[in-house]
Amino acid sequence: ITPTPLHDDLMMDHLVDSFKEVWKR
């Protein structure tokens, strides 16, 4: 993953929640 200055907090939270779901699945 390469976060940039243009990724905001909402994008980060969506990424983390999505990773959690996929990791569990």
PDB file of all heavy atoms in Angstrom:
ATOM      1  N   ILE A   1       0.846  -1.191   0.000  1.00  0.00           N
ATOM      2  CA  ILE A   1       0.000   0.000   0.000  1.00  0.00           C
ATOM      3  C   ILE A   1       0.884   1.246   0.000  1.00  0.00           C
ATOM      4  O   ILE A   1       1.879   1.319   0.731  1.00  0.00           O
ATOM      5  CB  ILE A   1      -0.918   0.023   1.241  1.00  0.00           C
ATOM      6  CG1 ILE A   1      -1.665  -1.310   1.374  1.00  0.00           C
ATOM      7  CG2 ILE A   1      -1.905   1.180   1.162  1.00  0.00           C
ATOM      8  CD1 ILE A   1      -2.411  -1.457   2.686  1.00  0.00           C
ATOM      9  N   THR A   2       0.504   2.225  -0.818  1.00  0.00           N
ATOM     10  CA  THR A   2       1.270   3.472  -0.879  1.00  0.00           C
ATOM     11  C   THR A   2       0.330   4.665  -0.688  1.00  0.00           C
ATOM     12  O   THR A   2      -0.120   5.279  -1.656  1.00  0.00           O
ATOM     13  CB  THR A   2       2.015   3.598  -2.229  1.00  0.00           C
ATOM     14  OG1 THR A   2       1.077   3.434  -3.308  1.00  0.00           O
ATOM     15  CG2 THR A   2       3.084   2.536  -2.347  1.00  0.00           C
ATOM     16  N   PRO A   3       0.039   4.998   0.574  1.00  0.00           N
ATOM     17  CA  PRO A   3      -0.811   6.157   0.822  1.00  0.00           C
ATOM     18  C   PRO A   3      -0.143   7.442   0.338  1.00  0.00           C
ATOM     19  O   PRO A   3       1.078   7.594   0.452  1.00  0.00           O
ATOM     20  CB  PRO A   3      -0.971   6.160   2.345  1.00  0.00           C
ATOM     21  CG  PRO A   3       0.169   5.362   2.859  1.00  0.00           C
ATOM     22  CD  PRO A   3       0.506   4.360   1.813  1.00  0.00           C
ATOM     23  N   THR A   4      -0.938   8.333  -0.199  1.00  0.00           N
ATOM     24  CA  THR A   4      -0.427   9.603  -0.711  1.00  0.00           C
ATOM     25  C   THR A   4      -0.963  10.747   0.144  1.00  0.00           C
ATOM     26  O   THR A   4      -1.825  10.538   1.011  1.00  0.00           O
ATOM     27  CB  THR A   4      -0.881   9.820  -2.165  1.00  0.00           C
ATOM     28  OG1 THR A   4      -2.296  10.137  -2.172  1.00  0.00           O
ATOM     29  CG2 THR A   4      -0.631   8.583  -3.020  1.00  0.00           C
ATOM     30  N   PRO A   5      -0.505  11.972  -0.092  1.00  0.00           N
ATOM     31  CA  PRO A   5      -1.065  13.114   0.635  1.00  0.00           C
ATOM     32  C   PRO A   5      -2.544  13.336   0.338  1.00  0.00           C
ATOM     33  O   PRO A   5      -3.220  14.051   1.076  1.00  0.00           O
ATOM     34  CB  PRO A   5      -0.229  14.299   0.126  1.00  0.00           C
ATOM     35  CG  PRO A   5       1.017  13.705  -0.415  1.00  0.00           C
ATOM     36  CD  PRO A   5       0.629  12.375  -0.955  1.00  0.00           C
ATOM     37  N   LEU A   6      -3.051  12.720  -0.731  1.00  0.00           N
ATOM     38  CA  LEU A   6      -4.422  12.963  -1.169  1.00  0.00           C
ATOM     39  C   LEU A   6      -5.419  11.915  -0.691  1.00  0.00           C
ATOM     40  O   LEU A   6      -6.616  12.041  -0.949  1.00  0.00           O
ATOM     41  CB  LEU A   6      -4.453  13.068  -2.701  1.00  0.00           C
ATOM     42  CG  LEU A   6      -3.550  14.170  -3.280  1.00  0.00           C
ATOM     43  CD1 LEU A   6      -3.540  14.126  -4.793  1.00  0.00           C
ATOM     44  CD2 LEU A   6      -3.992  15.539  -2.790  1.00  0.00           C
ATOM     45  N   HIS A   7      -4.960  10.883  -0.006  1.00  0.00           N
ATOM     46  CA  HIS A   7      -5.875   9.929   0.625  1.00  0.00           C
ATOM     47  C   HIS A   7      -6.372  10.540   1.941  1.00  0.00           C
ATOM     48  O   HIS A   7      -5.564  10.972   2.771  1.00  0.00           O
ATOM     49  CB  HIS A   7      -5.170   8.608   0.916  1.00  0.00           C
ATOM     50  CG  HIS A   7      -4.930   7.773  -0.307  1.00  0.00           C
ATOM     51  ND1 HIS A   7      -3.764   7.830  -1.024  1.00  0.00           N
ATOM     52  CD2 HIS A   7      -5.710   6.843  -0.933  1.00  0.00           C
ATOM     53  CE1 HIS A   7      -3.828   6.985  -2.046  1.00  0.00           C
ATOM     54  NE2 HIS A   7      -4.997   6.374  -2.013  1.00  0.00           N
ATOM     55  N   ASP A   8      -7.688  10.578   2.119  1.00  0.00           N
ATOM     56  CA  ASP A   8      -8.236  11.198   3.331  1.00  0.00           C
ATOM     57  C   ASP A   8      -8.634  10.138   4.367  1.00  0.00           C
ATOM     58  O   ASP A   8      -8.523   8.926   4.125  1.00  0.00           O
ATOM     59  CB  ASP A   8      -9.416  12.115   3.000  1.00  0.00           C
ATOM     60  CG  ASP A   8     -10.560  11.400   2.293  1.00  0.00           C
ATOM     61  OD1 ASP A   8     -10.776  10.195   2.566  1.00  0.00           O
ATOM     62  OD2 ASP A   8     -11.266  12.043   1.487  1.00  0.00           O
ATOM     63  N   ASP A   9      -9.112  10.595   5.522  1.00  0.00           N
ATOM     64  CA  ASP A   9      -9.448   9.686   6.620  1.00  0.00           C
ATOM     65  C   ASP A   9     -10.579   8.735   6.263  1.00  0.00           C
ATOM     66  O   ASP A   9     -10.581   7.565   6.681  1.00  0.00           O
ATOM     67  CB  ASP A   9      -9.814  10.490   7.869  1.00  0.00           C
ATOM     68  CG  ASP A   9      -8.599  11.137   8.518  1.00  0.00           C
ATOM     69  OD1 ASP A   9      -7.464  10.748   8.167  1.00  0.00           O
ATOM     70  OD2 ASP A   9      -8.774  12.036   9.359  1.00  0.00           O
ATOM     71  N   LEU A  10     -11.561   9.208   5.514  1.00  0.00           N
ATOM     72  CA  LEU A  10     -12.670   8.336   5.113  1.00  0.00           C
ATOM     73  C   LEU A  10     -12.164   7.191   4.229  1.00  0.00           C
ATOM     74  O   LEU A  10     -12.603   6.041   4.377  1.00  0.00           O
ATOM     75  CB  LEU A  10     -13.742   9.147   4.375  1.00  0.00           C
ATOM     76  CG  LEU A  10     -14.611  10.066   5.240  1.00  0.00           C
ATOM     77  CD1 LEU A  10     -15.565  10.869   4.358  1.00  0.00           C
ATOM     78  CD2 LEU A  10     -15.403   9.256   6.267  1.00  0.00           C
ATOM     79  N   MET A  11     -11.267   7.507   3.323  1.00  0.00           N
ATOM     80  CA  MET A  11     -10.682   6.470   2.463  1.00  0.00           C
ATOM     81  C   MET A  11      -9.905   5.458   3.299  1.00  0.00           C
ATOM     82  O   MET A  11      -9.974   4.250   3.063  1.00  0.00           O
ATOM     83  CB  MET A  11      -9.749   7.114   1.427  1.00  0.00           C
ATOM     84  CG  MET A  11     -10.441   7.946   0.372  1.00  0.00           C
ATOM     85  SD  MET A  11      -9.213   8.749  -0.704  1.00  0.00           S
ATOM     86  CE  MET A  11     -10.295   9.648  -1.825  1.00  0.00           C
ATOM     87  N   MET A  12      -9.155   5.962   4.277  1.00  0.00           N
ATOM     88  CA  MET A  12      -8.375   5.069   5.143  1.00  0.00           C
ATOM     89  C   MET A  12      -9.284   4.148   5.944  1.00  0.00           C
ATOM     90  O   MET A  12      -9.022   2.938   6.049  1.00  0.00           O
ATOM     91  CB  MET A  12      -7.495   5.883   6.095  1.00  0.00           C
ATOM     92  CG  MET A  12      -6.298   6.529   5.444  1.00  0.00           C
ATOM     93  SD  MET A  12      -5.134   7.113   6.697  1.00  0.00           S
ATOM     94  CE  MET A  12      -4.154   8.227   5.703  1.00  0.00           C
ATOM     95  N   ASP A  13     -10.328   4.693   6.511  1.00  0.00           N
ATOM     96  CA  ASP A  13     -11.238   3.879   7.320  1.00  0.00           C
ATOM     97  C   ASP A  13     -11.909   2.799   6.465  1.00  0.00           C
ATOM     98  O   ASP A  13     -12.076   1.656   6.914  1.00  0.00           O
ATOM     99  CB  ASP A  13     -12.297   4.764   7.972  1.00  0.00           C
ATOM    100  CG  ASP A  13     -11.714   5.647   9.078  1.00  0.00           C
ATOM    101  OD1 ASP A  13     -10.615   5.319   9.580  1.00  0.00           O
ATOM    102  OD2 ASP A  13     -12.343   6.662   9.422  1.00  0.00           O
ATOM    103  N   HIS A  14     -12.298   3.163   5.254  1.00  0.00           N
ATOM    104  CA  HIS A  14     -12.888   2.183   4.345  1.00  0.00           C
ATOM    105  C   HIS A  14     -11.879   1.088   4.003  1.00  0.00           C
ATOM    106  O   HIS A  14     -12.232  -0.104   3.953  1.00  0.00           O
ATOM    107  CB  HIS A  14     -13.381   2.870   3.077  1.00  0.00           C
ATOM    108  CG  HIS A  14     -13.924   1.929   2.044  1.00  0.00           C
ATOM    109  ND1 HIS A  14     -14.995   1.102   2.281  1.00  0.00           N
ATOM    110  CD2 HIS A  14     -13.517   1.662   0.774  1.00  0.00           C
ATOM    111  CE1 HIS A  14     -15.246   0.377   1.211  1.00  0.00           C
ATOM    112  NE2 HIS A  14     -14.354   0.693   0.279  1.00  0.00           N
ATOM    113  N   LEU A  15     -10.627   1.471   3.773  1.00  0.00           N
ATOM    114  CA  LEU A  15      -9.588   0.490   3.474  1.00  0.00           C
ATOM    115  C   LEU A  15      -9.406  -0.489   4.633  1.00  0.00           C
ATOM    116  O   LEU A  15      -9.388  -1.712   4.437  1.00  0.00           O
ATOM    117  CB  LEU A  15      -8.266   1.202   3.185  1.00  0.00           C
ATOM    118  CG  LEU A  15      -7.071   0.281   2.951  1.00  0.00           C
ATOM    119  CD1 LEU A  15      -7.051  -0.232   1.521  1.00  0.00           C
ATOM    120  CD2 LEU A  15      -5.756   0.983   3.269  1.00  0.00           C
ATOM    121  N   VAL A  16      -9.295   0.035   5.843  1.00  0.00           N
ATOM    122  CA  VAL A  16      -9.058  -0.813   7.017  1.00  0.00           C
ATOM    123  C   VAL A  16     -10.238  -1.758   7.244  1.00  0.00           C
ATOM    124  O   VAL A  16     -10.053  -2.961   7.475  1.00  0.00           O
ATOM    125  CB  VAL A  16      -8.795   0.046   8.261  1.00  0.00           C
ATOM    126  CG1 VAL A  16      -8.730  -0.816   9.517  1.00  0.00           C
ATOM    127  CG2 VAL A  16      -7.492   0.830   8.095  1.00  0.00           C
ATOM    128  N   ASP A  17     -11.459  -1.238   7.166  1.00  0.00           N
ATOM    129  CA  ASP A  17     -12.645  -2.087   7.358  1.00  0.00           C
ATOM    130  C   ASP A  17     -12.727  -3.173   6.286  1.00  0.00           C
ATOM    131  O   ASP A  17     -13.090  -4.329   6.575  1.00  0.00           O
ATOM    132  CB  ASP A  17     -13.915  -1.227   7.320  1.00  0.00           C
ATOM    133  CG  ASP A  17     -14.038  -0.326   8.545  1.00  0.00           C
ATOM    134  OD1 ASP A  17     -13.355  -0.588   9.559  1.00  0.00           O
ATOM    135  OD2 ASP A  17     -14.805   0.657   8.476  1.00  0.00           O
ATOM    136  N   SER A  18     -12.383  -2.816   5.058  1.00  0.00           N
ATOM    137  CA  SER A  18     -12.427  -3.780   3.952  1.00  0.00           C
ATOM    138  C   SER A  18     -11.373  -4.860   4.134  1.00  0.00           C
ATOM    139  O   SER A  18     -11.638  -6.053   3.893  1.00  0.00           O
ATOM    140  CB  SER A  18     -12.224  -3.055   2.619  1.00  0.00           C
ATOM    141  OG  SER A  18     -13.212  -2.060   2.427  1.00  0.00           O
ATOM    142  N   PHE A  19     -10.172  -4.477   4.557  1.00  0.00           N
ATOM    143  CA  PHE A  19      -9.121  -5.461   4.817  1.00  0.00           C
ATOM    144  C   PHE A  19      -9.572  -6.441   5.902  1.00  0.00           C
ATOM    145  O   PHE A  19      -9.362  -7.657   5.780  1.00  0.00           O
ATOM    146  CB  PHE A  19      -7.834  -4.749   5.241  1.00  0.00           C
ATOM    147  CG  PHE A  19      -6.882  -4.488   4.101  1.00  0.00           C
ATOM    148  CD1 PHE A  19      -7.283  -3.780   2.985  1.00  0.00           C
ATOM    149  CD2 PHE A  19      -5.576  -4.946   4.140  1.00  0.00           C
ATOM    150  CE1 PHE A  19      -6.419  -3.532   1.938  1.00  0.00           C
ATOM    151  CE2 PHE A  19      -4.692  -4.709   3.095  1.00  0.00           C
ATOM    152  CZ  PHE A  19      -5.118  -4.003   1.986  1.00  0.00           C
ATOM    153  N   LYS A  20     -10.165  -5.935   6.973  1.00  0.00           N
ATOM    154  CA  LYS A  20     -10.622  -6.802   8.058  1.00  0.00           C
ATOM    155  C   LYS A  20     -11.611  -7.845   7.536  1.00  0.00           C
ATOM    156  O   LYS A  20     -11.524  -9.029   7.877  1.00  0.00           O
ATOM    157  CB  LYS A  20     -11.271  -5.963   9.159  1.00  0.00           C
ATOM    158  CG  LYS A  20     -10.292  -5.172   9.994  1.00  0.00           C
ATOM    159  CD  LYS A  20     -10.980  -4.135  10.861  1.00  0.00           C
ATOM    160  CE  LYS A  20     -11.970  -4.737  11.821  1.00  0.00           C
ATOM    161  NZ  LYS A  20     -12.601  -3.691  12.671  1.00  0.00           N
ATOM    162  N   GLU A  21     -12.552  -7.403   6.710  1.00  0.00           N
ATOM    163  CA  GLU A  21     -13.561  -8.309   6.165  1.00  0.00           C
ATOM    164  C   GLU A  21     -12.920  -9.369   5.269  1.00  0.00           C
ATOM    165  O   GLU A  21     -13.222 -10.564   5.382  1.00  0.00           O
ATOM    166  CB  GLU A  21     -14.595  -7.500   5.371  1.00  0.00           C
ATOM    167  CG  GLU A  21     -15.583  -8.336   4.567  1.00  0.00           C
ATOM    168  CD  GLU A  21     -16.450  -9.228   5.437  1.00  0.00           C
ATOM    169  OE1 GLU A  21     -16.724  -8.854   6.604  1.00  0.00           O
ATOM    170  OE2 GLU A  21     -16.864 -10.305   4.954  1.00  0.00           O
ATOM    171  N   VAL A  22     -12.044  -8.947   4.388  1.00  0.00           N
ATOM    172  CA  VAL A  22     -11.405  -9.885   3.459  1.00  0.00           C
ATOM    173  C   VAL A  22     -10.483 -10.847   4.208  1.00  0.00           C
ATOM    174  O   VAL A  22     -10.440 -12.048   3.902  1.00  0.00           O
ATOM    175  CB  VAL A  22     -10.639  -9.116   2.358  1.00  0.00           C
ATOM    176  CG1 VAL A  22      -9.840 -10.074   1.476  1.00  0.00           C
ATOM    177  CG2 VAL A  22     -11.615  -8.305   1.506  1.00  0.00           C
ATOM    178  N   TRP A  23      -9.748 -10.354   5.184  1.00  0.00           N
ATOM    179  CA  TRP A  23      -8.842 -11.204   5.968  1.00  0.00           C
ATOM    180  C   TRP A  23      -9.626 -12.311   6.699  1.00  0.00           C
ATOM    181  O   TRP A  23      -9.197 -13.454   6.736  1.00  0.00           O
ATOM    182  CB  TRP A  23      -8.056 -10.357   6.957  1.00  0.00           C
ATOM    183  CG  TRP A  23      -6.621 -10.099   6.558  1.00  0.00           C
ATOM    184  CD1 TRP A  23      -5.512 -10.342   7.308  1.00  0.00           C
ATOM    185  CD2 TRP A  23      -6.136  -9.541   5.330  1.00  0.00           C
ATOM    186  NE1 TRP A  23      -4.372  -9.981   6.625  1.00  0.00           N
ATOM    187  CE2 TRP A  23      -4.726  -9.492   5.396  1.00  0.00           C
ATOM    188  CE3 TRP A  23      -6.744  -9.098   4.157  1.00  0.00           C
ATOM    189  CZ2 TRP A  23      -3.931  -9.010   4.366  1.00  0.00           C
ATOM    190  CZ3 TRP A  23      -5.958  -8.610   3.132  1.00  0.00           C
ATOM    191  CH2 TRP A  23      -4.579  -8.575   3.238  1.00  0.00           C
ATOM    192  N   LYS A  24     -10.776 -11.943   7.261  1.00  0.00           N
ATOM    193  CA  LYS A  24     -11.599 -12.938   7.945  1.00  0.00           C
ATOM    194  C   LYS A  24     -12.162 -13.957   6.955  1.00  0.00           C
ATOM    195  O   LYS A  24     -12.162 -15.166   7.215  1.00  0.00           O
ATOM    196  CB  LYS A  24     -12.746 -12.244   8.680  1.00  0.00           C
ATOM    197  CG  LYS A  24     -12.316 -11.474   9.922  1.00  0.00           C
ATOM    198  CD  LYS A  24     -13.493 -10.770  10.566  1.00  0.00           C
ATOM    199  CE  LYS A  24     -13.056  -9.970  11.793  1.00  0.00           C
ATOM    200  NZ  LYS A  24     -14.190  -9.211  12.390  1.00  0.00           N
ATOM    201  N   ARG A  25     -12.624 -13.475   5.822  1.00  0.00           N
ATOM    202  CA  ARG A  25     -13.232 -14.362   4.835  1.00  0.00           C
ATOM    203  C   ARG A  25     -12.226 -15.379   4.299  1.00  0.00           C
ATOM    204  O   ARG A  25     -12.568 -16.553   4.101  1.00  0.00           O
ATOM    205  CB  ARG A  25     -13.805 -13.532   3.674  1.00  0.00           C
ATOM    206  CG  ARG A  25     -14.638 -14.355   2.709  1.00  0.00           C
ATOM    207  CD  ARG A  25     -15.036 -13.581   1.466  1.00  0.00           C
ATOM    208  NE  ARG A  25     -15.692 -12.307   1.742  1.00  0.00           N
ATOM    209  CZ  ARG A  25     -16.145 -11.491   0.781  1.00  0.00           C
ATOM    210  NH1 ARG A  25     -16.000 -11.838  -0.498  1.00  0.00           N
ATOM    211  NH2 ARG A  25     -16.707 -10.347   1.094  1.00  0.00           N
TER     212      ARG A  25
END
